[in-house]
Amino acid sequence: MFDPYHNAIRNFDLVRGDLAGSWEDSPRDVVIVNWNGSHRDASLRFFARRGHRQIIAGYFDGAPDDVRDWLRSARGVPGVIGVMVHDLARPLRRPRAFARAVRSEP
């Protein structure tokens, strides 16, 4: 809810009001779990500039190989410390394929 390129905007989803600027009070030691695949380059750079460490969160509905795009975007971005897959509603369908995709990207 701190990403101005994703959900920290006015009238996001079921939020009443405006989340813009919510990142301003976020301490630098808060680790951001970044799952903004639509604007991942801008989002990764935004939080890196703010000094946050980040964990890339692969999207459960995407193909396991989609994490490779994230990893390419994260090259050279300081503070990216890991990658995970998250699931909002159902068990991960292909955990081994996701792990292989992560390992295969240099």
N, C-alpha and C. Protein backbone atom coordinates (compact mmCIF):
# COMPACT_ATOMS: atom_id res chain seq x y z
N MET A 1 0.81 -1.20 0.00
CA MET A 1 0.00 0.00 0.00
C MET A 1 0.86 1.27 0.00
N PHE A 2 2.14 1.10 -0.27
CA PHE A 2 3.05 2.25 -0.29
C PHE A 2 3.57 2.56 -1.68
N ASP A 3 3.11 1.87 -2.69
CA ASP A 3 3.68 1.99 -4.03
C ASP A 3 2.88 2.99 -4.87
N PRO A 4 3.48 4.13 -5.21
CA PRO A 4 2.77 5.13 -6.00
C PRO A 4 2.52 4.68 -7.44
N TYR A 5 3.17 3.60 -7.86
CA TYR A 5 2.96 3.07 -9.20
C TYR A 5 1.95 1.93 -9.21
N HIS A 6 1.35 1.68 -8.05
CA HIS A 6 0.42 0.55 -7.96
C HIS A 6 -0.82 0.90 -7.16
N ASN A 7 -0.71 0.87 -5.84
CA ASN A 7 -1.91 1.00 -5.03
C ASN A 7 -1.92 2.19 -4.07
N ALA A 8 -0.85 2.94 -3.96
CA ALA A 8 -0.83 4.12 -3.10
C ALA A 8 -1.33 5.32 -3.89
N ILE A 9 -2.58 5.24 -4.26
CA ILE A 9 -3.21 6.26 -5.10
C ILE A 9 -4.58 6.62 -4.51
N ARG A 10 -5.17 7.60 -5.06
CA ARG A 10 -6.50 8.03 -4.63
C ARG A 10 -7.54 6.97 -5.01
N ASN A 11 -8.40 6.66 -4.06
CA ASN A 11 -9.54 5.75 -4.26
C ASN A 11 -9.14 4.38 -4.79
N PHE A 12 -8.07 3.81 -4.26
CA PHE A 12 -7.67 2.48 -4.66
C PHE A 12 -8.63 1.44 -4.11
N ASP A 13 -9.16 0.61 -4.98
CA ASP A 13 -10.00 -0.53 -4.62
C ASP A 13 -11.04 -0.14 -3.58
N LEU A 14 -11.00 -0.71 -2.40
CA LEU A 14 -12.02 -0.46 -1.38
C LEU A 14 -11.57 0.56 -0.33
N VAL A 15 -10.45 1.23 -0.57
CA VAL A 15 -9.93 2.20 0.37
C VAL A 15 -10.74 3.49 0.26
N ARG A 16 -11.13 4.00 1.39
CA ARG A 16 -11.78 5.31 1.39
C ARG A 16 -10.71 6.38 1.51
N GLY A 17 -10.64 7.22 0.54
CA GLY A 17 -9.67 8.30 0.60
C GLY A 17 -8.48 8.10 -0.30
N ASP A 18 -7.38 8.60 0.17
CA ASP A 18 -6.18 8.72 -0.66
C ASP A 18 -4.98 8.10 0.04
N LEU A 19 -4.29 7.18 -0.63
CA LEU A 19 -3.09 6.57 -0.07
C LEU A 19 -1.82 7.23 -0.60
N ALA A 20 -1.98 8.22 -1.47
CA ALA A 20 -0.81 8.92 -2.01
C ALA A 20 0.00 9.52 -0.87
N GLY A 21 1.29 9.33 -0.93
CA GLY A 21 2.19 9.83 0.10
C GLY A 21 2.35 8.90 1.29
N SER A 22 1.65 7.78 1.29
CA SER A 22 1.74 6.85 2.42
C SER A 22 3.16 6.36 2.64
N TRP A 23 3.95 6.35 1.61
CA TRP A 23 5.33 5.90 1.70
C TRP A 23 6.21 6.85 2.50
N GLU A 24 5.79 8.09 2.65
CA GLU A 24 6.61 9.09 3.33
C GLU A 24 6.95 8.72 4.76
N ASP A 25 6.06 8.07 5.46
CA ASP A 25 6.30 7.70 6.86
C ASP A 25 6.84 6.29 7.01
N SER A 26 7.17 5.65 5.92
CA SER A 26 7.68 4.28 5.97
C SER A 26 9.17 4.31 6.31
N PRO A 27 9.55 3.77 7.47
CA PRO A 27 10.97 3.76 7.84
C PRO A 27 11.80 2.96 6.83
N ARG A 28 13.04 3.34 6.66
CA ARG A 28 13.91 2.70 5.68
C ARG A 28 14.20 1.23 6.01
N ASP A 29 14.01 0.85 7.29
CA ASP A 29 14.28 -0.55 7.64
C ASP A 29 13.09 -1.47 7.34
N VAL A 30 12.00 -0.92 6.82
CA VAL A 30 10.88 -1.74 6.38
C VAL A 30 11.25 -2.38 5.04
N VAL A 31 11.16 -3.70 4.99
CA VAL A 31 11.44 -4.43 3.75
C VAL A 31 10.17 -4.45 2.92
N ILE A 32 10.27 -4.02 1.68
CA ILE A 32 9.13 -3.97 0.77
C ILE A 32 9.02 -5.29 0.02
N VAL A 33 7.85 -5.90 0.07
CA VAL A 33 7.56 -7.07 -0.75
C VAL A 33 6.87 -6.52 -2.00
N ASN A 34 7.60 -6.50 -3.08
CA ASN A 34 7.17 -5.81 -4.29
C ASN A 34 6.53 -6.80 -5.26
N TRP A 35 5.26 -6.60 -5.56
CA TRP A 35 4.55 -7.48 -6.50
C TRP A 35 3.88 -6.68 -7.61
N ASN A 36 4.40 -5.50 -7.89
CA ASN A 36 3.85 -4.64 -8.93
C ASN A 36 4.43 -5.01 -10.29
N GLY A 37 3.98 -6.11 -10.84
CA GLY A 37 4.50 -6.57 -12.12
C GLY A 37 4.21 -5.64 -13.28
N SER A 38 3.12 -4.88 -13.19
CA SER A 38 2.76 -3.99 -14.30
C SER A 38 3.75 -2.85 -14.48
N HIS A 39 4.32 -2.38 -13.39
CA HIS A 39 5.27 -1.26 -13.43
C HIS A 39 6.51 -1.60 -12.61
N ARG A 40 6.99 -2.82 -12.77
CA ARG A 40 8.06 -3.30 -11.89
C ARG A 40 9.32 -2.46 -11.97
N ASP A 41 9.71 -1.98 -13.14
CA ASP A 41 10.95 -1.20 -13.24
C ASP A 41 10.85 0.08 -12.41
N ALA A 42 9.77 0.82 -12.58
CA ALA A 42 9.58 2.07 -11.84
C ALA A 42 9.46 1.80 -10.34
N SER A 43 8.74 0.77 -10.00
CA SER A 43 8.51 0.43 -8.60
C SER A 43 9.81 0.00 -7.91
N LEU A 44 10.57 -0.87 -8.56
CA LEU A 44 11.85 -1.30 -7.98
C LEU A 44 12.78 -0.11 -7.77
N ARG A 45 12.88 0.77 -8.75
CA ARG A 45 13.76 1.94 -8.64
C ARG A 45 13.27 2.90 -7.55
N PHE A 46 11.96 3.10 -7.47
CA PHE A 46 11.39 4.01 -6.47
C PHE A 46 11.81 3.60 -5.06
N PHE A 47 11.59 2.34 -4.73
CA PHE A 47 11.92 1.90 -3.37
C PHE A 47 13.43 1.81 -3.14
N ALA A 48 14.18 1.50 -4.16
CA ALA A 48 15.64 1.50 -4.03
C ALA A 48 16.15 2.90 -3.72
N ARG A 49 15.61 3.91 -4.42
CA ARG A 49 16.02 5.30 -4.16
C ARG A 49 15.70 5.71 -2.73
N ARG A 50 14.64 5.16 -2.18
CA ARG A 50 14.25 5.49 -0.80
C ARG A 50 15.08 4.71 0.22
N GLY A 51 15.91 3.78 -0.23
CA GLY A 51 16.77 3.03 0.67
C GLY A 51 16.15 1.78 1.26
N HIS A 52 15.03 1.34 0.72
CA HIS A 52 14.39 0.12 1.22
C HIS A 52 15.01 -1.12 0.58
N ARG A 53 15.13 -2.17 1.37
CA ARG A 53 15.42 -3.48 0.80
C ARG A 53 14.11 -4.02 0.25
N GLN A 54 14.21 -4.90 -0.76
CA GLN A 54 13.00 -5.42 -1.40
C GLN A 54 13.10 -6.92 -1.63
N ILE A 55 11.94 -7.54 -1.55
CA ILE A 55 11.79 -8.93 -1.94
C ILE A 55 10.82 -8.94 -3.11
N ILE A 56 11.20 -9.56 -4.19
CA ILE A 56 10.33 -9.69 -5.36
C ILE A 56 9.32 -10.79 -5.08
N ALA A 57 8.06 -10.49 -5.31
CA ALA A 57 7.00 -11.46 -5.07
C ALA A 57 6.39 -11.89 -6.40
N GLY A 58 6.70 -13.10 -6.82
CA GLY A 58 6.11 -13.63 -8.05
C GLY A 58 4.62 -13.81 -7.89
N TYR A 59 3.89 -13.53 -8.92
CA TYR A 59 2.43 -13.58 -8.87
C TYR A 59 1.93 -15.00 -9.07
N PHE A 60 1.04 -15.43 -8.22
CA PHE A 60 0.59 -16.83 -8.23
C PHE A 60 -0.13 -17.22 -9.50
N ASP A 61 -0.76 -16.29 -10.17
CA ASP A 61 -1.50 -16.60 -11.39
C ASP A 61 -0.63 -16.59 -12.63
N GLY A 62 0.57 -16.04 -12.52
CA GLY A 62 1.44 -15.96 -13.68
C GLY A 62 2.16 -17.26 -13.93
N ALA A 63 2.76 -17.34 -15.09
CA ALA A 63 3.59 -18.49 -15.41
C ALA A 63 4.83 -18.44 -14.53
N PRO A 64 5.31 -19.59 -14.07
CA PRO A 64 6.51 -19.58 -13.22
C PRO A 64 7.69 -18.86 -13.86
N ASP A 65 7.83 -18.96 -15.17
CA ASP A 65 8.94 -18.30 -15.85
C ASP A 65 8.85 -16.78 -15.85
N ASP A 66 7.69 -16.21 -15.50
CA ASP A 66 7.55 -14.75 -15.46
C ASP A 66 8.51 -14.12 -14.46
N VAL A 67 8.94 -14.88 -13.46
CA VAL A 67 9.86 -14.34 -12.47
C VAL A 67 11.18 -13.92 -13.12
N ARG A 68 11.51 -14.50 -14.26
CA ARG A 68 12.75 -14.12 -14.95
C ARG A 68 12.72 -12.65 -15.37
N ASP A 69 11.56 -12.16 -15.80
CA ASP A 69 11.45 -10.74 -16.14
C ASP A 69 11.73 -9.86 -14.93
N TRP A 70 11.21 -10.27 -13.78
CA TRP A 70 11.49 -9.54 -12.54
C TRP A 70 12.99 -9.53 -12.25
N LEU A 71 13.60 -10.68 -12.36
CA LEU A 71 15.03 -10.78 -12.05
C LEU A 71 15.87 -9.94 -12.99
N ARG A 72 15.49 -9.89 -14.26
CA ARG A 72 16.20 -9.02 -15.21
C ARG A 72 16.01 -7.55 -14.82
N SER A 73 14.79 -7.18 -14.45
CA SER A 73 14.53 -5.80 -14.03
C SER A 73 15.32 -5.44 -12.78
N ALA A 74 15.53 -6.42 -11.91
CA ALA A 74 16.19 -6.15 -10.63
C ALA A 74 17.71 -6.06 -10.75
N ARG A 75 18.26 -6.49 -11.87
CA ARG A 75 19.73 -6.40 -12.03
C ARG A 75 20.18 -4.96 -11.85
N GLY A 76 21.13 -4.78 -10.99
CA GLY A 76 21.68 -3.45 -10.75
C GLY A 76 20.86 -2.59 -9.80
N VAL A 77 19.72 -3.07 -9.35
CA VAL A 77 18.91 -2.32 -8.39
C VAL A 77 19.40 -2.68 -6.99
N PRO A 78 19.91 -1.69 -6.26
CA PRO A 78 20.42 -2.01 -4.93
C PRO A 78 19.30 -2.41 -3.96
N GLY A 79 19.63 -3.34 -3.07
CA GLY A 79 18.70 -3.69 -2.00
C GLY A 79 17.70 -4.78 -2.31
N VAL A 80 17.75 -5.38 -3.49
CA VAL A 80 16.85 -6.51 -3.78
C VAL A 80 17.50 -7.72 -3.14
N ILE A 81 16.83 -8.27 -2.11
CA ILE A 81 17.47 -9.30 -1.28
C ILE A 81 16.88 -10.70 -1.47
N GLY A 82 15.83 -10.83 -2.26
CA GLY A 82 15.27 -12.16 -2.43
C GLY A 82 14.08 -12.17 -3.35
N VAL A 83 13.56 -13.37 -3.52
CA VAL A 83 12.39 -13.57 -4.37
C VAL A 83 11.50 -14.61 -3.70
N MET A 84 10.22 -14.43 -3.84
CA MET A 84 9.26 -15.38 -3.28
C MET A 84 8.08 -15.46 -4.22
N VAL A 85 7.25 -16.45 -4.01
CA VAL A 85 5.99 -16.51 -4.71
C VAL A 85 4.91 -16.40 -3.65
N HIS A 86 3.88 -15.64 -3.93
CA HIS A 86 2.79 -15.51 -2.96
C HIS A 86 1.51 -16.04 -3.57
N ASP A 87 0.62 -16.42 -2.72
CA ASP A 87 -0.65 -16.99 -3.14
C ASP A 87 -1.74 -16.38 -2.28
N LEU A 88 -2.66 -15.71 -2.92
CA LEU A 88 -3.73 -15.06 -2.19
C LEU A 88 -4.94 -15.95 -1.95
N ALA A 89 -5.10 -16.98 -2.75
CA ALA A 89 -6.34 -17.72 -2.66
C ALA A 89 -6.21 -19.24 -2.73
N ARG A 90 -5.19 -19.74 -3.36
CA ARG A 90 -5.14 -21.20 -3.56
C ARG A 90 -3.69 -21.68 -3.51
N PRO A 91 -3.51 -22.98 -3.35
CA PRO A 91 -2.13 -23.49 -3.29
C PRO A 91 -1.36 -23.21 -4.58
N LEU A 92 -0.08 -22.97 -4.41
CA LEU A 92 0.79 -22.76 -5.57
C LEU A 92 0.73 -23.98 -6.47
N ARG A 93 0.49 -23.73 -7.72
CA ARG A 93 0.29 -24.84 -8.65
C ARG A 93 1.59 -25.48 -9.12
N ARG A 94 2.63 -24.68 -9.28
CA ARG A 94 3.86 -25.22 -9.85
C ARG A 94 5.09 -24.72 -9.10
N PRO A 95 5.25 -25.13 -7.84
CA PRO A 95 6.38 -24.59 -7.07
C PRO A 95 7.75 -24.98 -7.63
N ARG A 96 7.87 -26.18 -8.16
CA ARG A 96 9.18 -26.59 -8.71
C ARG A 96 9.53 -25.79 -9.95
N ALA A 97 8.55 -25.54 -10.80
CA ALA A 97 8.81 -24.75 -12.01
C ALA A 97 9.23 -23.33 -11.63
N PHE A 98 8.62 -22.76 -10.61
CA PHE A 98 9.00 -21.43 -10.14
C PHE A 98 10.45 -21.45 -9.63
N ALA A 99 10.78 -22.44 -8.82
CA ALA A 99 12.14 -22.54 -8.29
C ALA A 99 13.16 -22.72 -9.42
N ARG A 100 12.84 -23.52 -10.41
CA ARG A 100 13.76 -23.70 -11.55
C ARG A 100 13.96 -22.39 -12.30
N ALA A 101 12.89 -21.62 -12.48
CA ALA A 101 13.00 -20.34 -13.19
C ALA A 101 13.90 -19.37 -12.42
N VAL A 102 13.77 -19.34 -11.11
CA VAL A 102 14.61 -18.47 -10.30
C VAL A 102 16.06 -18.89 -10.39
N ARG A 103 16.32 -20.18 -10.29
CA ARG A 103 17.70 -20.67 -10.33
C ARG A 103 18.35 -20.49 -11.69
N SER A 104 17.56 -20.51 -12.75
CA SER A 104 18.15 -20.47 -14.09
C SER A 104 18.52 -19.07 -14.52
N GLU A 105 18.04 -18.06 -13.84
CA GLU A 105 18.35 -16.67 -14.23
C GLU A 105 19.62 -16.23 -13.51
N PRO A 106 20.65 -15.87 -14.25
CA PRO A 106 21.93 -15.49 -13.61
C PRO A 106 21.82 -14.20 -12.81
